[in-house]
């Protein structure tokens, strides 16, 4: 992203919609599946959820949208810090689960 001040409102909305879709997969699909699963299946689903969270908070979604808003005059610095902290935490969890079973969920959002 060369110049975040030039990102159109429509493009920003697309980025935010992608973030919301990944978040909906977590709260509406992963969480209920984890709650209903047995121990091993729940662990594999949790690993899949963490992978989804890495995408959810990745630079291409949440943080990018906040950076664009910041560049366009809205103070989002505390949110950028918060989301980057979450993203780094989830990356560490994902790395710690490397090699473990991971289960995805069917979701259309």
PDB file of N, CA and C in Angstrom:
ATOM      1  N   UNK A   1       0.857  -1.153   0.000  1.00  0.00           N
ATOM      2  CA  UNK A   1       0.000   0.000   0.000  1.00  0.00           C
ATOM      3  C   UNK A   1       0.910   1.224   0.000  1.00  0.00           C
ATOM      4  N   UNK A   2       1.012   1.841  -1.148  1.00  0.00           N
ATOM      5  CA  UNK A   2       1.914   2.970  -1.302  1.00  0.00           C
ATOM      6  C   UNK A   2       1.422   4.226  -0.598  1.00  0.00           C
ATOM      7  N   UNK A   3       0.127   4.514  -0.710  1.00  0.00           N
ATOM      8  CA  UNK A   3      -0.404   5.739  -0.128  1.00  0.00           C
ATOM      9  C   UNK A   3      -1.781   5.467   0.482  1.00  0.00           C
ATOM     10  N   UNK A   4      -1.824   5.157   1.773  1.00  0.00           N
ATOM     11  CA  UNK A   4      -3.110   4.825   2.388  1.00  0.00           C
ATOM     12  C   UNK A   4      -4.112   5.969   2.390  1.00  0.00           C
ATOM     13  N   UNK A   5      -3.639   7.196   2.218  1.00  0.00           N
ATOM     14  CA  UNK A   5      -4.582   8.313   2.175  1.00  0.00           C
ATOM     15  C   UNK A   5      -5.431   8.279   0.911  1.00  0.00           C
ATOM     16  N   UNK A   6      -4.972   7.560  -0.119  1.00  0.00           N
ATOM     17  CA  UNK A   6      -5.705   7.533  -1.387  1.00  0.00           C
ATOM     18  C   UNK A   6      -6.637   6.322  -1.519  1.00  0.00           C
ATOM     19  N   UNK A   7      -6.734   5.498  -0.489  1.00  0.00           N
ATOM     20  CA  UNK A   7      -7.621   4.337  -0.540  1.00  0.00           C
ATOM     21  C   UNK A   7      -9.068   4.824  -0.509  1.00  0.00           C
ATOM     22  N   UNK A   8      -9.845   4.324  -1.454  1.00  0.00           N
ATOM     23  CA  UNK A   8     -11.240   4.765  -1.536  1.00  0.00           C
ATOM     24  C   UNK A   8     -12.067   4.185  -0.392  1.00  0.00           C
ATOM     25  N   UNK A   9     -13.179   4.819  -0.128  1.00  0.00           N
ATOM     26  CA  UNK A   9     -14.104   4.322   0.901  1.00  0.00           C
ATOM     27  C   UNK A   9     -14.599   2.922   0.539  1.00  0.00           C
ATOM     28  N   UNK A  10     -14.811   2.657  -0.739  1.00  0.00           N
ATOM     29  CA  UNK A  10     -15.277   1.336  -1.174  1.00  0.00           C
ATOM     30  C   UNK A  10     -14.212   0.262  -0.920  1.00  0.00           C
ATOM     31  N   UNK A  11     -12.955   0.581  -1.197  1.00  0.00           N
ATOM     32  CA  UNK A  11     -11.881  -0.384  -0.944  1.00  0.00           C
ATOM     33  C   UNK A  11     -11.698  -0.628   0.546  1.00  0.00           C
ATOM     34  N   UNK A  12     -11.792   0.422   1.346  1.00  0.00           N
ATOM     35  CA  UNK A  12     -11.697   0.268   2.797  1.00  0.00           C
ATOM     36  C   UNK A  12     -12.830  -0.629   3.289  1.00  0.00           C
ATOM     37  N   UNK A  13     -14.025  -0.429   2.777  1.00  0.00           N
ATOM     38  CA  UNK A  13     -15.170  -1.249   3.170  1.00  0.00           C
ATOM     39  C   UNK A  13     -14.936  -2.714   2.801  1.00  0.00           C
ATOM     40  N   UNK A  14     -14.336  -2.982   1.657  1.00  0.00           N
ATOM     41  CA  UNK A  14     -14.029  -4.360   1.245  1.00  0.00           C
ATOM     42  C   UNK A  14     -13.076  -5.004   2.240  1.00  0.00           C
ATOM     43  N   UNK A  15     -12.046  -4.283   2.639  1.00  0.00           N
ATOM     44  CA  UNK A  15     -11.085  -4.804   3.612  1.00  0.00           C
ATOM     45  C   UNK A  15     -11.789  -5.094   4.934  1.00  0.00           C
ATOM     46  N   UNK A  16     -12.638  -4.175   5.371  1.00  0.00           N
ATOM     47  CA  UNK A  16     -13.362  -4.361   6.627  1.00  0.00           C
ATOM     48  C   UNK A  16     -14.340  -5.537   6.532  1.00  0.00           C
ATOM     49  N   UNK A  17     -14.955  -5.729   5.385  1.00  0.00           N
ATOM     50  CA  UNK A  17     -15.887  -6.844   5.189  1.00  0.00           C
ATOM     51  C   UNK A  17     -15.154  -8.177   5.259  1.00  0.00           C
ATOM     52  N   UNK A  18     -13.955  -8.250   4.696  1.00  0.00           N
ATOM     53  CA  UNK A  18     -13.149  -9.478   4.774  1.00  0.00           C
ATOM     54  C   UNK A  18     -12.814  -9.795   6.225  1.00  0.00           C
ATOM     55  N   UNK A  19     -12.473  -8.778   6.983  1.00  0.00           N
ATOM     56  CA  UNK A  19     -12.189  -8.962   8.397  1.00  0.00           C
ATOM     57  C   UNK A  19     -13.428  -9.499   9.123  1.00  0.00           C
ATOM     58  N   UNK A  20     -14.567  -8.891   8.864  1.00  0.00           N
ATOM     59  CA  UNK A  20     -15.809  -9.310   9.519  1.00  0.00           C
ATOM     60  C   UNK A  20     -16.167 -10.752   9.171  1.00  0.00           C
ATOM     61  N   UNK A  21     -15.904 -11.156   7.938  1.00  0.00           N
ATOM     62  CA  UNK A  21     -16.191 -12.527   7.525  1.00  0.00           C
ATOM     63  C   UNK A  21     -15.329 -13.525   8.300  1.00  0.00           C
ATOM     64  N   UNK A  22     -14.043 -13.212   8.445  1.00  0.00           N
ATOM     65  CA  UNK A  22     -13.150 -14.096   9.207  1.00  0.00           C
ATOM     66  C   UNK A  22     -13.562 -14.129  10.680  1.00  0.00           C
ATOM     67  N   UNK A  23     -13.990 -12.997  11.204  1.00  0.00           N
ATOM     68  CA  UNK A  23     -14.438 -12.946  12.598  1.00  0.00           C
ATOM     69  C   UNK A  23     -15.736 -13.740  12.790  1.00  0.00           C
ATOM     70  N   UNK A  24     -16.635 -13.657  11.818  1.00  0.00           N
ATOM     71  CA  UNK A  24     -17.878 -14.429  11.877  1.00  0.00           C
ATOM     72  C   UNK A  24     -17.600 -15.930  11.863  1.00  0.00           C
ATOM     73  N   UNK A  25     -16.593 -16.343  11.104  1.00  0.00           N
ATOM     74  CA  UNK A  25     -16.226 -17.768  11.089  1.00  0.00           C
ATOM     75  C   UNK A  25     -15.784 -18.210  12.476  1.00  0.00           C
ATOM     76  N   UNK A  26     -15.071 -17.344  13.171  1.00  0.00           N
ATOM     77  CA  UNK A  26     -14.607 -17.671  14.523  1.00  0.00           C
ATOM     78  C   UNK A  26     -15.770 -17.770  15.499  1.00  0.00           C
ATOM     79  N   UNK A  27     -16.542 -16.711  15.587  1.00  0.00           N
ATOM     80  CA  UNK A  27     -17.573 -16.657  16.624  1.00  0.00           C
ATOM     81  C   UNK A  27     -18.799 -17.493  16.301  1.00  0.00           C
ATOM     82  N   UNK A  28     -19.137 -17.609  15.035  1.00  0.00           N
ATOM     83  CA  UNK A  28     -20.348 -18.319  14.671  1.00  0.00           C
ATOM     84  C   UNK A  28     -20.168 -19.772  14.318  1.00  0.00           C
ATOM     85  N   UNK A  29     -18.936 -20.164  14.004  1.00  0.00           N
ATOM     86  CA  UNK A  29     -18.713 -21.531  13.550  1.00  0.00           C
ATOM     87  C   UNK A  29     -17.680 -22.258  14.406  1.00  0.00           C
ATOM     88  N   UNK A  30     -16.478 -21.673  14.545  1.00  0.00           N
ATOM     89  CA  UNK A  30     -15.440 -22.350  15.335  1.00  0.00           C
ATOM     90  C   UNK A  30     -15.848 -22.515  16.793  1.00  0.00           C
ATOM     91  N   UNK A  31     -16.270 -21.435  17.434  1.00  0.00           N
ATOM     92  CA  UNK A  31     -16.566 -21.504  18.869  1.00  0.00           C
ATOM     93  C   UNK A  31     -17.617 -22.554  19.218  1.00  0.00           C
ATOM     94  N   UNK A  32     -18.750 -22.611  18.506  1.00  0.00           N
ATOM     95  CA  UNK A  32     -19.731 -23.661  18.821  1.00  0.00           C
ATOM     96  C   UNK A  32     -19.199 -25.077  18.544  1.00  0.00           C
ATOM     97  N   UNK A  33     -18.411 -25.226  17.482  1.00  0.00           N
ATOM     98  CA  UNK A  33     -17.854 -26.546  17.157  1.00  0.00           C
ATOM     99  C   UNK A  33     -16.868 -26.992  18.235  1.00  0.00           C
ATOM    100  N   UNK A  34     -16.052 -26.076  18.729  1.00  0.00           N
ATOM    101  CA  UNK A  34     -15.093 -26.397  19.793  1.00  0.00           C
ATOM    102  C   UNK A  34     -15.837 -26.798  21.061  1.00  0.00           C
ATOM    103  N   UNK A  35     -16.857 -26.055  21.396  1.00  0.00           N
ATOM    104  CA  UNK A  35     -17.632 -26.335  22.600  1.00  0.00           C
ATOM    105  C   UNK A  35     -18.283 -27.717  22.546  1.00  0.00           C
ATOM    106  N   UNK A  36     -18.709 -28.144  21.361  1.00  0.00           N
ATOM    107  CA  UNK A  36     -19.413 -29.418  21.203  1.00  0.00           C
ATOM    108  C   UNK A  36     -18.477 -30.612  20.993  1.00  0.00           C
ATOM    109  N   UNK A  37     -17.198 -30.374  20.782  1.00  0.00           N
ATOM    110  CA  UNK A  37     -16.267 -31.445  20.408  1.00  0.00           C
ATOM    111  C   UNK A  37     -15.633 -32.122  21.617  1.00  0.00           C
ATOM    112  N   UNK A  38     -15.146 -33.340  21.370  1.00  0.00           N
ATOM    113  CA  UNK A  38     -14.368 -34.059  22.378  1.00  0.00           C
ATOM    114  C   UNK A  38     -12.990 -33.416  22.492  1.00  0.00           C
ATOM    115  N   UNK A  39     -12.193 -33.872  23.436  1.00  0.00           N
ATOM    116  CA  UNK A  39     -10.908 -33.249  23.730  1.00  0.00           C
ATOM    117  C   UNK A  39      -9.993 -33.137  22.512  1.00  0.00           C
ATOM    118  N   UNK A  40      -9.698 -34.263  21.846  1.00  0.00           N
ATOM    119  CA  UNK A  40      -8.781 -34.220  20.699  1.00  0.00           C
ATOM    120  C   UNK A  40      -9.364 -33.408  19.546  1.00  0.00           C
ATOM    121  N   UNK A  41     -10.647 -33.608  19.273  1.00  0.00           N
ATOM    122  CA  UNK A  41     -11.282 -32.852  18.198  1.00  0.00           C
ATOM    123  C   UNK A  41     -11.329 -31.362  18.542  1.00  0.00           C
ATOM    124  N   UNK A  42     -11.567 -31.053  19.805  1.00  0.00           N
ATOM    125  CA  UNK A  42     -11.604 -29.654  20.238  1.00  0.00           C
ATOM    126  C   UNK A  42     -10.229 -29.001  20.069  1.00  0.00           C
ATOM    127  N   UNK A  43      -9.178 -29.742  20.376  1.00  0.00           N
ATOM    128  CA  UNK A  43      -7.818 -29.206  20.203  1.00  0.00           C
ATOM    129  C   UNK A  43      -7.536 -28.923  18.740  1.00  0.00           C
ATOM    130  N   UNK A  44      -7.914 -29.851  17.867  1.00  0.00           N
ATOM    131  CA  UNK A  44      -7.692 -29.651  16.427  1.00  0.00           C
ATOM    132  C   UNK A  44      -8.514 -28.457  15.923  1.00  0.00           C
ATOM    133  N   UNK A  45      -9.724 -28.331  16.402  1.00  0.00           N
ATOM    134  CA  UNK A  45     -10.546 -27.177  16.021  1.00  0.00           C
ATOM    135  C   UNK A  45      -9.953 -25.874  16.557  1.00  0.00           C
ATOM    136  N   UNK A  46      -9.444 -25.913  17.774  1.00  0.00           N
ATOM    137  CA  UNK A  46      -8.809 -24.721  18.355  1.00  0.00           C
ATOM    138  C   UNK A  46      -7.594 -24.319  17.525  1.00  0.00           C
ATOM    139  N   UNK A  47      -6.814 -25.298  17.074  1.00  0.00           N
ATOM    140  CA  UNK A  47      -5.667 -24.996  16.210  1.00  0.00           C
ATOM    141  C   UNK A  47      -6.137 -24.352  14.904  1.00  0.00           C
ATOM    142  N   UNK A  48      -7.229 -24.859  14.341  1.00  0.00           N
ATOM    143  CA  UNK A  48      -7.791 -24.253  13.138  1.00  0.00           C
ATOM    144  C   UNK A  48      -8.287 -22.844  13.393  1.00  0.00           C
ATOM    145  N   UNK A  49      -8.881 -22.642  14.552  1.00  0.00           N
ATOM    146  CA  UNK A  49      -9.370 -21.312  14.928  1.00  0.00           C
ATOM    147  C   UNK A  49      -8.215 -20.322  15.023  1.00  0.00           C
ATOM    148  N   UNK A  50      -7.096 -20.755  15.610  1.00  0.00           N
ATOM    149  CA  UNK A  50      -5.933 -19.863  15.722  1.00  0.00           C
ATOM    150  C   UNK A  50      -5.428 -19.484  14.342  1.00  0.00           C
ATOM    151  N   UNK A  51      -5.401 -20.450  13.419  1.00  0.00           N
ATOM    152  CA  UNK A  51      -4.987 -20.126  12.051  1.00  0.00           C
ATOM    153  C   UNK A  51      -5.925 -19.076  11.463  1.00  0.00           C
ATOM    154  N   UNK A  52      -7.223 -19.233  11.688  1.00  0.00           N
ATOM    155  CA  UNK A  52      -8.201 -18.258  11.214  1.00  0.00           C
ATOM    156  C   UNK A  52      -7.932 -16.894  11.846  1.00  0.00           C
ATOM    157  N   UNK A  53      -7.581 -16.872  13.138  1.00  0.00           N
ATOM    158  CA  UNK A  53      -7.319 -15.610  13.831  1.00  0.00           C
ATOM    159  C   UNK A  53      -6.086 -14.919  13.262  1.00  0.00           C
ATOM    160  N   UNK A  54      -5.089 -15.692  12.854  1.00  0.00           N
ATOM    161  CA  UNK A  54      -3.899 -15.094  12.248  1.00  0.00           C
ATOM    162  C   UNK A  54      -4.309 -14.374  10.963  1.00  0.00           C
ATOM    163  N   UNK A  55      -5.184 -15.010  10.178  1.00  0.00           N
ATOM    164  CA  UNK A  55      -5.682 -14.365   8.971  1.00  0.00           C
ATOM    165  C   UNK A  55      -6.563 -13.177   9.333  1.00  0.00           C
ATOM    166  N   UNK A  56      -7.433 -13.376  10.292  1.00  0.00           N
ATOM    167  CA  UNK A  56      -8.378 -12.344  10.723  1.00  0.00           C
ATOM    168  C   UNK A  56      -7.664 -11.053  11.095  1.00  0.00           C
ATOM    169  N   UNK A  57      -6.597 -11.178  11.847  1.00  0.00           N
ATOM    170  CA  UNK A  57      -5.886 -10.001  12.341  1.00  0.00           C
ATOM    171  C   UNK A  57      -4.718  -9.604  11.453  1.00  0.00           C
ATOM    172  N   UNK A  58      -4.557 -10.325  10.362  1.00  0.00           N
ATOM    173  CA  UNK A  58      -3.379 -10.093   9.541  1.00  0.00           C
ATOM    174  C   UNK A  58      -3.387  -8.708   8.928  1.00  0.00           C
ATOM    175  N   UNK A  59      -2.240  -8.351   8.455  1.00  0.00           N
ATOM    176  CA  UNK A  59      -2.056  -7.029   7.869  1.00  0.00           C
ATOM    177  C   UNK A  59      -3.041  -6.793   6.731  1.00  0.00           C
ATOM    178  N   UNK A  60      -3.460  -7.843   6.049  1.00  0.00           N
ATOM    179  CA  UNK A  60      -4.361  -7.625   4.913  1.00  0.00           C
ATOM    180  C   UNK A  60      -5.776  -7.292   5.335  1.00  0.00           C
ATOM    181  N   UNK A  61      -6.136  -7.444   6.597  1.00  0.00           N
ATOM    182  CA  UNK A  61      -7.495  -7.145   7.035  1.00  0.00           C
ATOM    183  C   UNK A  61      -7.510  -6.051   8.088  1.00  0.00           C
ATOM    184  N   UNK A  62      -7.562  -6.444   9.328  1.00  0.00           N
ATOM    185  CA  UNK A  62      -7.822  -5.507  10.420  1.00  0.00           C
ATOM    186  C   UNK A  62      -6.790  -4.388  10.518  1.00  0.00           C
ATOM    187  N   UNK A  63      -5.522  -4.737  10.601  1.00  0.00           N
ATOM    188  CA  UNK A  63      -4.507  -3.711  10.814  1.00  0.00           C
ATOM    189  C   UNK A  63      -4.413  -2.783   9.608  1.00  0.00           C
ATOM    190  N   UNK A  64      -4.546  -3.331   8.408  1.00  0.00           N
ATOM    191  CA  UNK A  64      -4.504  -2.479   7.216  1.00  0.00           C
ATOM    192  C   UNK A  64      -5.644  -1.475   7.227  1.00  0.00           C
ATOM    193  N   UNK A  65      -6.839  -1.934   7.564  1.00  0.00           N
ATOM    194  CA  UNK A  65      -7.977  -1.022   7.616  1.00  0.00           C
ATOM    195  C   UNK A  65      -7.727   0.089   8.630  1.00  0.00           C
ATOM    196  N   UNK A  66      -7.192  -0.273   9.783  1.00  0.00           N
ATOM    197  CA  UNK A  66      -6.901   0.733  10.805  1.00  0.00           C
ATOM    198  C   UNK A  66      -5.813   1.700  10.348  1.00  0.00           C
ATOM    199  N   UNK A  67      -4.807   1.184   9.642  1.00  0.00           N
ATOM    200  CA  UNK A  67      -3.738   2.053   9.142  1.00  0.00           C
ATOM    201  C   UNK A  67      -4.281   3.031   8.099  1.00  0.00           C
ATOM    202  N   UNK A  68      -5.187   2.554   7.268  1.00  0.00           N
ATOM    203  CA  UNK A  68      -5.805   3.435   6.271  1.00  0.00           C
ATOM    204  C   UNK A  68      -6.596   4.531   6.977  1.00  0.00           C
ATOM    205  N   UNK A  69      -7.400   4.133   7.960  1.00  0.00           N
ATOM    206  CA  UNK A  69      -8.183   5.122   8.697  1.00  0.00           C
ATOM    207  C   UNK A  69      -7.274   6.134   9.394  1.00  0.00           C
ATOM    208  N   UNK A  70      -6.161   5.645   9.947  1.00  0.00           N
ATOM    209  CA  UNK A  70      -5.189   6.532  10.608  1.00  0.00           C
ATOM    210  C   UNK A  70      -4.635   7.534   9.597  1.00  0.00           C
ATOM    211  N   UNK A  71      -4.247   7.055   8.436  1.00  0.00           N
ATOM    212  CA  UNK A  71      -3.671   7.922   7.413  1.00  0.00           C
ATOM    213  C   UNK A  71      -4.684   8.940   6.903  1.00  0.00           C
ATOM    214  N   UNK A  72      -5.964   8.583   6.993  1.00  0.00           N
ATOM    215  CA  UNK A  72      -7.008   9.480   6.506  1.00  0.00           C
ATOM    216  C   UNK A  72      -7.565  10.375   7.609  1.00  0.00           C
ATOM    217  N   UNK A  73      -6.893  10.407   8.768  1.00  0.00           N
ATOM    218  CA  UNK A  73      -7.220  11.381   9.790  1.00  0.00           C
ATOM    219  C   UNK A  73      -7.898  10.869  11.049  1.00  0.00           C
ATOM    220  N   UNK A  74      -8.251   9.606  11.117  1.00  0.00           N
ATOM    221  CA  UNK A  74      -8.883   9.067  12.320  1.00  0.00           C
ATOM    222  C   UNK A  74      -7.794   8.498  13.226  1.00  0.00           C
ATOM    223  N   UNK A  75      -7.837   8.823  14.510  1.00  0.00           N
ATOM    224  CA  UNK A  75      -6.823   8.309  15.438  1.00  0.00           C
ATOM    225  C   UNK A  75      -7.152   6.874  15.815  1.00  0.00           C
ATOM    226  N   UNK A  76      -6.426   5.948  15.215  1.00  0.00           N
ATOM    227  CA  UNK A  76      -6.613   4.520  15.492  1.00  0.00           C
ATOM    228  C   UNK A  76      -5.348   3.888  16.074  1.00  0.00           C
ATOM    229  N   UNK A  77      -4.434   4.709  16.560  1.00  0.00           N
ATOM    230  CA  UNK A  77      -3.136   4.193  17.017  1.00  0.00           C
ATOM    231  C   UNK A  77      -3.274   3.174  18.137  1.00  0.00           C
ATOM    232  N   UNK A  78      -4.169   3.412  19.092  1.00  0.00           N
ATOM    233  CA  UNK A  78      -4.315   2.439  20.184  1.00  0.00           C
ATOM    234  C   UNK A  78      -4.913   1.134  19.670  1.00  0.00           C
ATOM    235  N   UNK A  79      -5.825   1.218  18.713  1.00  0.00           N
ATOM    236  CA  UNK A  79      -6.401   0.005  18.126  1.00  0.00           C
ATOM    237  C   UNK A  79      -5.359  -0.759  17.321  1.00  0.00           C
ATOM    238  N   UNK A  80      -4.513  -0.041  16.595  1.00  0.00           N
ATOM    239  CA  UNK A  80      -3.444  -0.699  15.828  1.00  0.00           C
ATOM    240  C   UNK A  80      -2.533  -1.463  16.784  1.00  0.00           C
ATOM    241  N   UNK A  81      -2.161  -0.831  17.887  1.00  0.00           N
ATOM    242  CA  UNK A  81      -1.315  -1.495  18.881  1.00  0.00           C
ATOM    243  C   UNK A  81      -2.003  -2.724  19.446  1.00  0.00           C
ATOM    244  N   UNK A  82      -3.274  -2.603  19.801  1.00  0.00           N
ATOM    245  CA  UNK A  82      -4.029  -3.719  20.368  1.00  0.00           C
ATOM    246  C   UNK A  82      -4.142  -4.888  19.386  1.00  0.00           C
ATOM    247  N   UNK A  83      -4.493  -4.587  18.144  1.00  0.00           N
ATOM    248  CA  UNK A  83      -4.670  -5.650  17.150  1.00  0.00           C
ATOM    249  C   UNK A  83      -3.337  -6.289  16.770  1.00  0.00           C
ATOM    250  N   UNK A  84      -2.281  -5.494  16.721  1.00  0.00           N
ATOM    251  CA  UNK A  84      -0.958  -6.051  16.424  1.00  0.00           C
ATOM    252  C   UNK A  84      -0.506  -6.968  17.547  1.00  0.00           C
ATOM    253  N   UNK A  85      -0.794  -6.603  18.786  1.00  0.00           N
ATOM    254  CA  UNK A  85      -0.465  -7.455  19.938  1.00  0.00           C
ATOM    255  C   UNK A  85      -1.221  -8.775  19.846  1.00  0.00           C
ATOM    256  N   UNK A  86      -2.512  -8.727  19.521  1.00  0.00           N
ATOM    257  CA  UNK A  86      -3.297  -9.955  19.359  1.00  0.00           C
ATOM    258  C   UNK A  86      -2.732 -10.826  18.244  1.00  0.00           C
ATOM    259  N   UNK A  87      -2.400 -10.181  17.140  1.00  0.00           N
ATOM    260  CA  UNK A  87      -1.874 -10.900  15.976  1.00  0.00           C
ATOM    261  C   UNK A  87      -0.574 -11.618  16.346  1.00  0.00           C
ATOM    262  N   UNK A  88       0.336 -10.911  17.006  1.00  0.00           N
ATOM    263  CA  UNK A  88       1.604 -11.522  17.411  1.00  0.00           C
ATOM    264  C   UNK A  88       1.384 -12.679  18.375  1.00  0.00           C
ATOM    265  N   UNK A  89       0.447 -12.538  19.295  1.00  0.00           N
ATOM    266  CA  UNK A  89       0.122 -13.612  20.231  1.00  0.00           C
ATOM    267  C   UNK A  89      -0.407 -14.841  19.493  1.00  0.00           C
ATOM    268  N   UNK A  90      -1.292 -14.621  18.531  1.00  0.00           N
ATOM    269  CA  UNK A  90      -1.850 -15.742  17.780  1.00  0.00           C
ATOM    270  C   UNK A  90      -0.819 -16.407  16.873  1.00  0.00           C
ATOM    271  N   UNK A  91       0.104 -15.636  16.356  1.00  0.00           N
ATOM    272  CA  UNK A  91       1.185 -16.223  15.565  1.00  0.00           C
ATOM    273  C   UNK A  91       2.014 -17.158  16.452  1.00  0.00           C
ATOM    274  N   UNK A  92       2.307 -16.729  17.670  1.00  0.00           N
ATOM    275  CA  UNK A  92       3.070 -17.579  18.597  1.00  0.00           C
ATOM    276  C   UNK A  92       2.304 -18.858  18.919  1.00  0.00           C
ATOM    277  N   UNK A  93       0.986 -18.744  19.150  1.00  0.00           N
ATOM    278  CA  UNK A  93       0.170 -19.933  19.411  1.00  0.00           C
ATOM    279  C   UNK A  93       0.169 -20.867  18.209  1.00  0.00           C
ATOM    280  N   UNK A  94       0.065 -20.297  17.021  1.00  0.00           N
ATOM    281  CA  UNK A  94       0.075 -21.095  15.795  1.00  0.00           C
ATOM    282  C   UNK A  94       1.414 -21.802  15.624  1.00  0.00           C
ATOM    283  N   UNK A  95       2.498 -21.102  15.885  1.00  0.00           N
ATOM    284  CA  UNK A  95       3.827 -21.711  15.783  1.00  0.00           C
ATOM    285  C   UNK A  95       4.004 -22.817  16.816  1.00  0.00           C
ATOM    286  N   UNK A  96       3.476 -22.615  18.026  1.00  0.00           N
ATOM    287  CA  UNK A  96       3.583 -23.631  19.070  1.00  0.00           C
ATOM    288  C   UNK A  96       2.793 -24.888  18.711  1.00  0.00           C
ATOM    289  N   UNK A  97       1.751 -24.731  17.915  1.00  0.00           N
ATOM    290  CA  UNK A  97       0.911 -25.871  17.521  1.00  0.00           C
ATOM    291  C   UNK A  97       1.367 -26.502  16.202  1.00  0.00           C
ATOM    292  N   UNK A  98       2.496 -26.051  15.688  1.00  0.00           N
ATOM    293  CA  UNK A  98       2.996 -26.598  14.424  1.00  0.00           C
ATOM    294  C   UNK A  98       3.131 -28.115  14.518  1.00  0.00           C
ATOM    295  N   UNK A  99       2.616 -28.801  13.517  1.00  0.00           N
ATOM    296  CA  UNK A  99       2.690 -30.249  13.472  1.00  0.00           C
ATOM    297  C   UNK A  99       1.522 -30.944  14.144  1.00  0.00           C
ATOM    298  N   UNK A 100       0.724 -30.210  14.903  1.00  0.00           N
ATOM    299  CA  UNK A 100      -0.447 -30.801  15.544  1.00  0.00           C
ATOM    300  C   UNK A 100      -1.609 -30.828  14.548  1.00  0.00           C
ATOM    301  N   UNK A 101      -2.580 -31.673  14.837  1.00  0.00           N
ATOM    302  CA  UNK A 101      -3.769 -31.730  13.992  1.00  0.00           C
ATOM    303  C   UNK A 101      -4.468 -30.379  14.025  1.00  0.00           C
ATOM    304  N   UNK A 102      -5.043 -30.019  12.881  1.00  0.00           N
ATOM    305  CA  UNK A 102      -5.783 -28.770  12.748  1.00  0.00           C
ATOM    306  C   UNK A 102      -7.012 -29.058  11.900  1.00  0.00           C
ATOM    307  N   UNK A 103      -8.148 -28.609  12.372  1.00  0.00           N
ATOM    308  CA  UNK A 103      -9.402 -28.845  11.655  1.00  0.00           C
ATOM    309  C   UNK A 103     -10.017 -27.527  11.261  1.00  0.00           C
ATOM    310  N   UNK A 104     -10.455 -27.451  10.021  1.00  0.00           N
ATOM    311  CA  UNK A 104     -11.162 -26.254   9.570  1.00  0.00           C
ATOM    312  C   UNK A 104     -12.662 -26.489   9.752  1.00  0.00           C
ATOM    313  N   UNK A 105     -13.425 -25.466   9.517  1.00  0.00           N
ATOM    314  CA  UNK A 105     -14.880 -25.570   9.572  1.00  0.00           C
ATOM    315  C   UNK A 105     -15.440 -25.065   8.258  1.00  0.00           C
ATOM    316  N   UNK A 106     -16.597 -25.587   7.883  1.00  0.00           N
ATOM    317  CA  UNK A 106     -17.277 -25.068   6.694  1.00  0.00           C
ATOM    318  C   UNK A 106     -17.951 -23.769   7.072  1.00  0.00           C
ATOM    319  N   UNK A 107     -17.673 -22.750   6.297  1.00  0.00           N
ATOM    320  CA  UNK A 107     -18.233 -21.446   6.581  1.00  0.00           C
ATOM    321  C   UNK A 107     -18.405 -20.707   5.269  1.00  0.00           C
ATOM    322  N   UNK A 108     -19.500 -20.066   5.103  1.00  0.00           N
ATOM    323  CA  UNK A 108     -19.660 -19.197   3.955  1.00  0.00           C
ATOM    324  C   UNK A 108     -20.120 -17.854   4.469  1.00  0.00           C
ATOM    325  N   UNK A 109     -19.296 -16.869   4.264  1.00  0.00           N
ATOM    326  CA  UNK A 109     -19.596 -15.566   4.819  1.00  0.00           C
ATOM    327  C   UNK A 109     -19.402 -14.467   3.828  1.00  0.00           C
TER     328      UNK A 109
END
